[in-house]
C-alpha atoms as a PDB file:
ATOM      1  CA  UNK A   1     114.685 241.053  21.701  1.00  0.00           C
ATOM      2  CA  UNK A   2     115.827 238.107  24.388  1.00  0.00           C
ATOM      3  CA  UNK A   3     114.256 237.909  27.728  1.00  0.00           C
ATOM      4  CA  UNK A   4     117.002 237.002  30.024  1.00  0.00           C
ATOM      5  CA  UNK A   5     115.357 235.897  33.465  1.00  0.00           C
ATOM      6  CA  UNK A   6     117.195 234.893  36.743  1.00  0.00           C
ATOM      7  CA  UNK A   7     115.998 232.070  38.554  1.00  0.00           C
ATOM      8  CA  UNK A   8     115.961 232.220  42.236  1.00  0.00           C
ATOM      9  CA  UNK A   9     115.287 229.541  44.653  1.00  0.00           C
ATOM     10  CA  UNK A  10     114.640 230.645  48.332  1.00  0.00           C
ATOM     11  CA  UNK A  11     111.729 228.683  49.184  1.00  0.00           C
ATOM     12  CA  UNK A  12     111.115 226.263  51.606  1.00  0.00           C
ATOM     13  CA  UNK A  13     110.177 224.070  48.479  1.00  0.00           C
ATOM     14  CA  UNK A  14     113.383 224.968  46.836  1.00  0.00           C
ATOM     15  CA  UNK A  15     115.184 224.007  49.393  1.00  0.00           C
ATOM     16  CA  UNK A  16     113.955 221.059  49.977  1.00  0.00           C
ATOM     17  CA  UNK A  17     114.731 219.552  45.706  1.00  0.00           C
ATOM     18  CA  UNK A  18     117.957 221.134  46.313  1.00  0.00           C
ATOM     19  CA  UNK A  19     118.585 219.175  48.994  1.00  0.00           C
ATOM     20  CA  UNK A  20     117.462 215.795  47.188  1.00  0.00           C
ATOM     21  CA  UNK A  21     119.391 216.972  44.435  1.00  0.00           C
ATOM     22  CA  UNK A  22     122.847 216.814  46.106  1.00  0.00           C
ATOM     23  CA  UNK A  23     121.532 213.555  47.818  1.00  0.00           C
ATOM     24  CA  UNK A  24     121.293 212.000  44.233  1.00  0.00           C
ATOM     25  CA  UNK A  25     124.262 213.627  42.898  1.00  0.00           C
ATOM     26  CA  UNK A  26     126.301 212.202  45.685  1.00  0.00           C
ATOM     27  CA  UNK A  27     124.934 208.464  45.412  1.00  0.00           C
ATOM     28  CA  UNK A  28     125.014 208.648  41.827  1.00  0.00           C
ATOM     29  CA  UNK A  29     128.503 210.040  41.499  1.00  0.00           C
ATOM     30  CA  UNK A  30     130.634 210.483  44.532  1.00  0.00           C
ATOM     31  CA  UNK A  31     133.565 212.376  45.063  1.00  0.00           C
ATOM     32  CA  UNK A  32     137.056 210.913  44.785  1.00  0.00           C
ATOM     33  CA  UNK A  33     138.098 210.051  48.333  1.00  0.00           C
ATOM     34  CA  UNK A  34     141.418 211.591  46.842  1.00  0.00           C
ATOM     35  CA  UNK A  35     139.322 214.876  46.491  1.00  0.00           C
ATOM     36  CA  UNK A  36     139.333 215.406  50.099  1.00  0.00           C
ATOM     37  CA  UNK A  37     142.787 214.734  50.758  1.00  0.00           C
ATOM     38  CA  UNK A  38     143.832 217.136  47.952  1.00  0.00           C
ATOM     39  CA  UNK A  39     141.797 219.952  49.049  1.00  0.00           C
ATOM     40  CA  UNK A  40     142.422 219.517  52.966  1.00  0.00           C
ATOM     41  CA  UNK A  41     146.153 220.076  51.407  1.00  0.00           C
ATOM     42  CA  UNK A  42     145.511 222.944  49.472  1.00  0.00           C
ATOM     43  CA  UNK A  43     143.908 224.573  52.353  1.00  0.00           C
ATOM     44  CA  UNK A  44     146.780 224.035  54.571  1.00  0.00           C
ATOM     45  CA  UNK A  45     148.734 225.695  51.560  1.00  0.00           C
ATOM     46  CA  UNK A  46     147.437 229.368  52.546  1.00  0.00           C
ATOM     47  CA  UNK A  47     150.057 229.585  55.375  1.00  0.00           C
ATOM     48  CA  UNK A  48     152.841 228.685  53.231  1.00  0.00           C
ATOM     49  CA  UNK A  49     154.831 231.928  53.555  1.00  0.00           C
ATOM     50  CA  UNK A  50     154.643 231.618  57.216  1.00  0.00           C
ATOM     51  CA  UNK A  51     157.958 230.859  59.513  1.00  0.00           C
ATOM     52  CA  UNK A  52     157.506 228.251  61.482  1.00  0.00           C
ATOM     53  CA  UNK A  53     157.928 228.252  65.111  1.00  0.00           C
ATOM     54  CA  UNK A  54     159.418 225.102  66.631  1.00  0.00           C
ATOM     55  CA  UNK A  55     158.617 223.607  70.145  1.00  0.00           C
ATOM     56  CA  UNK A  56     161.441 223.204  72.116  1.00  0.00           C
ATOM     57  CA  UNK A  57     160.533 222.975  75.405  1.00  0.00           C
ATOM     58  CA  UNK A  58     157.566 221.158  76.948  1.00  0.00           C
ATOM     59  CA  UNK A  59     156.943 221.143  80.635  1.00  0.00           C
ATOM     60  CA  UNK A  60     154.508 218.233  79.900  1.00  0.00           C
ATOM     61  CA  UNK A  61     157.430 215.874  78.960  1.00  0.00           C
ATOM     62  CA  UNK A  62     158.513 213.129  80.718  1.00  0.00           C
ATOM     63  CA  UNK A  63     161.676 214.571  83.330  1.00  0.00           C
ATOM     64  CA  UNK A  64     160.233 218.080  82.587  1.00  0.00           C
ATOM     65  CA  UNK A  65     157.646 218.567  85.348  1.00  0.00           C
ATOM     66  CA  UNK A  66     157.691 221.409  86.841  1.00  0.00           C
ATOM     67  CA  UNK A  67     157.895 221.040  91.244  1.00  0.00           C
ATOM     68  CA  UNK A  68     157.290 223.259  93.958  1.00  0.00           C
ATOM     69  CA  UNK A  69     154.136 224.565  92.592  1.00  0.00           C
ATOM     70  CA  UNK A  70     151.040 225.284  95.377  1.00  0.00           C
ATOM     71  CA  UNK A  71     147.338 224.758  94.392  1.00  0.00           C
ATOM     72  CA  UNK A  72     145.046 222.479  92.140  1.00  0.00           C
ATOM     73  CA  UNK A  73     145.568 223.888  88.845  1.00  0.00           C
ATOM     74  CA  UNK A  74     148.006 222.466  86.574  1.00  0.00           C
ATOM     75  CA  UNK A  75     150.363 224.462  85.149  1.00  0.00           C
ATOM     76  CA  UNK A  76     152.266 223.893  81.605  1.00  0.00           C
ATOM     77  CA  UNK A  77     155.126 225.835  79.867  1.00  0.00           C
ATOM     78  CA  UNK A  78     155.845 225.316  76.567  1.00  0.00           C
ATOM     79  CA  UNK A  79     158.613 227.563  74.185  1.00  0.00           C
ATOM     80  CA  UNK A  80     158.924 228.191  70.492  1.00  0.00           C
ATOM     81  CA  UNK A  81     161.600 228.942  68.777  1.00  0.00           C
ATOM     82  CA  UNK A  82     161.975 230.611  65.174  1.00  0.00           C
ATOM     83  CA  UNK A  83     164.810 232.410  63.467  1.00  0.00           C
ATOM     84  CA  UNK A  84     163.658 235.420  64.511  1.00  0.00           C
ATOM     85  CA  UNK A  85     161.147 235.797  66.931  1.00  0.00           C
ATOM     86  CA  UNK A  86     160.455 233.382  70.538  1.00  0.00           C
ATOM     87  CA  UNK A  87     157.332 232.801  72.277  1.00  0.00           C
ATOM     88  CA  UNK A  88     156.446 231.282  75.811  1.00  0.00           C
ATOM     89  CA  UNK A  89     153.350 230.465  76.931  1.00  0.00           C
ATOM     90  CA  UNK A  90     152.424 229.365  80.482  1.00  0.00           C
ATOM     91  CA  UNK A  91     148.830 227.591  80.492  1.00  0.00           C
ATOM     92  CA  UNK A  92     147.009 227.123  83.283  1.00  0.00           C
ATOM     93  CA  UNK A  93     144.322 224.210  83.265  1.00  0.00           C
ATOM     94  CA  UNK A  94     140.980 224.034  85.149  1.00  0.00           C
ATOM     95  CA  UNK A  95     139.375 221.296  84.328  1.00  0.00           C
ATOM     96  CA  UNK A  96     138.297 221.500  80.470  1.00  0.00           C
ATOM     97  CA  UNK A  97     138.995 225.088  80.089  1.00  0.00           C
ATOM     98  CA  UNK A  98     142.345 226.588  79.825  1.00  0.00           C
ATOM     99  CA  UNK A  99     144.546 230.186  80.337  1.00  0.00           C
ATOM    100  CA  UNK A 100     147.817 230.988  78.988  1.00  0.00           C
ATOM    101  CA  UNK A 101     149.750 233.617  79.374  1.00  0.00           C
ATOM    102  CA  UNK A 102     152.194 234.477  76.858  1.00  0.00           C
ATOM    103  CA  UNK A 103     155.207 236.521  76.094  1.00  0.00           C
ATOM    104  CA  UNK A 104     156.937 237.260  72.554  1.00  0.00           C
ATOM    105  CA  UNK A 105     160.309 237.187  72.533  1.00  0.00           C
ATOM    106  CA  UNK A 106     162.183 239.574  69.767  1.00  0.00           C
ATOM    107  CA  UNK A 107     160.669 241.274  67.277  1.00  0.00           C
ATOM    108  CA  UNK A 108     157.058 243.086  68.800  1.00  0.00           C
ATOM    109  CA  UNK A 109     154.450 241.575  67.604  1.00  0.00           C
ATOM    110  CA  UNK A 110     151.202 243.400  66.183  1.00  0.00           C
ATOM    111  CA  UNK A 111     148.680 240.447  67.310  1.00  0.00           C
ATOM    112  CA  UNK A 112     149.041 237.195  68.260  1.00  0.00           C
ATOM    113  CA  UNK A 113     146.236 234.774  66.560  1.00  0.00           C
ATOM    114  CA  UNK A 114     145.320 231.901  68.648  1.00  0.00           C
ATOM    115  CA  UNK A 115     143.731 229.150  66.512  1.00  0.00           C
ATOM    116  CA  UNK A 116     141.361 226.360  68.074  1.00  0.00           C
ATOM    117  CA  UNK A 117     138.509 224.221  66.749  1.00  0.00           C
ATOM    118  CA  UNK A 118     135.857 226.371  67.942  1.00  0.00           C
ATOM    119  CA  UNK A 119     137.357 229.638  66.241  1.00  0.00           C
ATOM    120  CA  UNK A 120     140.356 232.357  66.052  1.00  0.00           C
ATOM    121  CA  UNK A 121     140.652 234.827  68.349  1.00  0.00           C
ATOM    122  CA  UNK A 122     143.192 238.124  68.455  1.00  0.00           C
ATOM    123  CA  UNK A 123     145.132 239.656  71.259  1.00  0.00           C
ATOM    124  CA  UNK A 124     147.291 242.648  71.034  1.00  0.00           C
ATOM    125  CA  UNK A 125     150.711 241.779  73.458  1.00  0.00           C
ATOM    126  CA  UNK A 126     151.569 244.771  75.169  1.00  0.00           C
ATOM    127  CA  UNK A 127     155.175 246.907  74.866  1.00  0.00           C
ATOM    128  CA  UNK A 128     157.105 244.517  76.922  1.00  0.00           C
ATOM    129  CA  UNK A 129     155.184 241.319  74.587  1.00  0.00           C
ATOM    130  CA  UNK A 130     152.741 239.760  76.983  1.00  0.00           C
ATOM    131  CA  UNK A 131     149.123 238.403  76.632  1.00  0.00           C
ATOM    132  CA  UNK A 132     146.753 236.772  77.876  1.00  0.00           C
ATOM    133  CA  UNK A 133     144.652 234.532  76.921  1.00  0.00           C
ATOM    134  CA  UNK A 134     140.986 233.062  78.837  1.00  0.00           C
ATOM    135  CA  UNK A 135     138.365 230.585  78.825  1.00  0.00           C
ATOM    136  CA  UNK A 136     139.804 228.759  75.963  1.00  0.00           C
ATOM    137  CA  UNK A 137     138.113 224.978  75.495  1.00  0.00           C
ATOM    138  CA  UNK A 138     140.647 222.395  76.087  1.00  0.00           C
ATOM    139  CA  UNK A 139     141.925 220.995  72.832  1.00  0.00           C
ATOM    140  CA  UNK A 140     144.629 221.695  70.266  1.00  0.00           C
ATOM    141  CA  UNK A 141     145.856 225.250  69.987  1.00  0.00           C
ATOM    142  CA  UNK A 142     148.386 227.149  67.469  1.00  0.00           C
ATOM    143  CA  UNK A 143     149.425 230.553  67.613  1.00  0.00           C
ATOM    144  CA  UNK A 144     150.414 232.997  64.580  1.00  0.00           C
ATOM    145  CA  UNK A 145     152.441 235.944  65.462  1.00  0.00           C
ATOM    146  CA  UNK A 146     151.995 238.644  63.558  1.00  0.00           C
ATOM    147  CA  UNK A 147     155.472 240.475  63.822  1.00  0.00           C
ATOM    148  CA  UNK A 148     155.749 244.362  62.927  1.00  0.00           C
ATOM    149  CA  UNK A 149     157.967 243.952  59.665  1.00  0.00           C
ATOM    150  CA  UNK A 150     154.812 241.958  58.037  1.00  0.00           C
ATOM    151  CA  UNK A 151     156.543 238.145  58.788  1.00  0.00           C
ATOM    152  CA  UNK A 152     153.913 235.468  60.370  1.00  0.00           C
ATOM    153  CA  UNK A 153     155.131 233.163  62.438  1.00  0.00           C
ATOM    154  CA  UNK A 154     152.919 229.944  63.194  1.00  0.00           C
ATOM    155  CA  UNK A 155     153.490 227.462  65.914  1.00  0.00           C
ATOM    156  CA  UNK A 156     152.591 223.898  65.271  1.00  0.00           C
ATOM    157  CA  UNK A 157     149.223 222.504  66.601  1.00  0.00           C
ATOM    158  CA  UNK A 158     149.771 221.525  70.213  1.00  0.00           C
ATOM    159  CA  UNK A 159     147.170 220.023  72.285  1.00  0.00           C
ATOM    160  CA  UNK A 160     146.443 221.702  75.893  1.00  0.00           C
END
């Protein structure tokens, strides 16, 4: 009769030993640099089936500035287009924070996933396709529209 016992490593000493072993392994046999590039590429493939929206208008481009806007807040208008759906965004910048007012044009979207470096936030458009996102940190953002017919439409990353 064989005795099968499971080794459990959950003490602070075990954690220290595992950290030392990881360091030795990284120094003795580091992963090839291409490994990280391939891992990033594989991770990017998870949304390969998404329809891609194209940025067709950005009021921040030269010659596209918004004139006649009052107040100290910076306002930026973005328009994205995909085969079945469009997205209009108004971005209001207040210091390092951003608020978005968006409208999905076309088929109803069940949800809009707002992705940033800090994570993601899910919002649900109203019956007219309008949604709001408050208090985003300035930086790169991308939207994933979960359209009611099962299609997902993804915008490119855009710096806000």
